[in-house]
Amino acid sequence: MAIFFKIILAICFAWWGRKEIPAFALRINRQIYMEYHSLVDMNENYDFFQKKSCLQPKEMHFSYLFFLLFPSILILYDDVIIGGILILLCFLACLDIAYYLTDIRVVALIFLLSLSQGEINTLYVLIGLFIIIQIISYVILKKEGIGMGDYLLFLALSPLFQIEQMLYLILIASLLGIIYYLFYWGITKQKLAKLPFIPFITASTFIVFVDKI
């Protein structure tokens, strides 16, 4: 009965994820249009704004794999909360690949679910570490290290792990990103303008959780 419930829940998540990826762009465009319209007197309607926007809805065909991946995750992990977090990470990874953006609402939900694990000290340590990294990035390197959405996702995940495990997760994600960048450069001989980092955070989280099973 429990497995049947998990499968139904996972299918619902998969259906939501499939629909939400293209809907995300429409919602963001709507929010930007409303905010811009409240500040500037403009004649263009929303439909015109949507057509001209660089952020267009995308259909991620490999998101059909959600219907296979999500039930597998919930069956593999006895803890539904952990399984739910991993499912949300997979969704955010696809969103990052599609738009180089993240959904702060999903990140906040991951954080709330992570708080049930109780490793709050890891969160405090990570906040201090990221502040130092940001200072070094802006003062010395004169540029941002990683995106703010990536920082927030790391912080949202931090209550799930002890400090050593969280640092291990960050290290693995960084190494995976570097390997992908070098592999891309080796094939195309071109620099990668943007690198969606959440897929590597997601893969790293799976790796660390495998060690915890």
Foldseek 3Di string as FASTA:
>chain_A
DVLVVQLVVLQVLLVCLQVVQQVVLVVVLVVVVVVVVVVDPDDDDSVVSQVPDPRHGDRDVCSVCSNVPLSVLCVVDVDVLVSVLLSLLVSQLVSCVRGVDGDVVSLVVLLVSLVVLPQVVLLVVLVVVVVVVQCCCCVPVVDGDDDPVVSSSLSSNRSNDHNVLSVQLVVQLVVVQVVVQVVVCVVPVDGDPDDRSSVSSSVSVVVSVVVVD
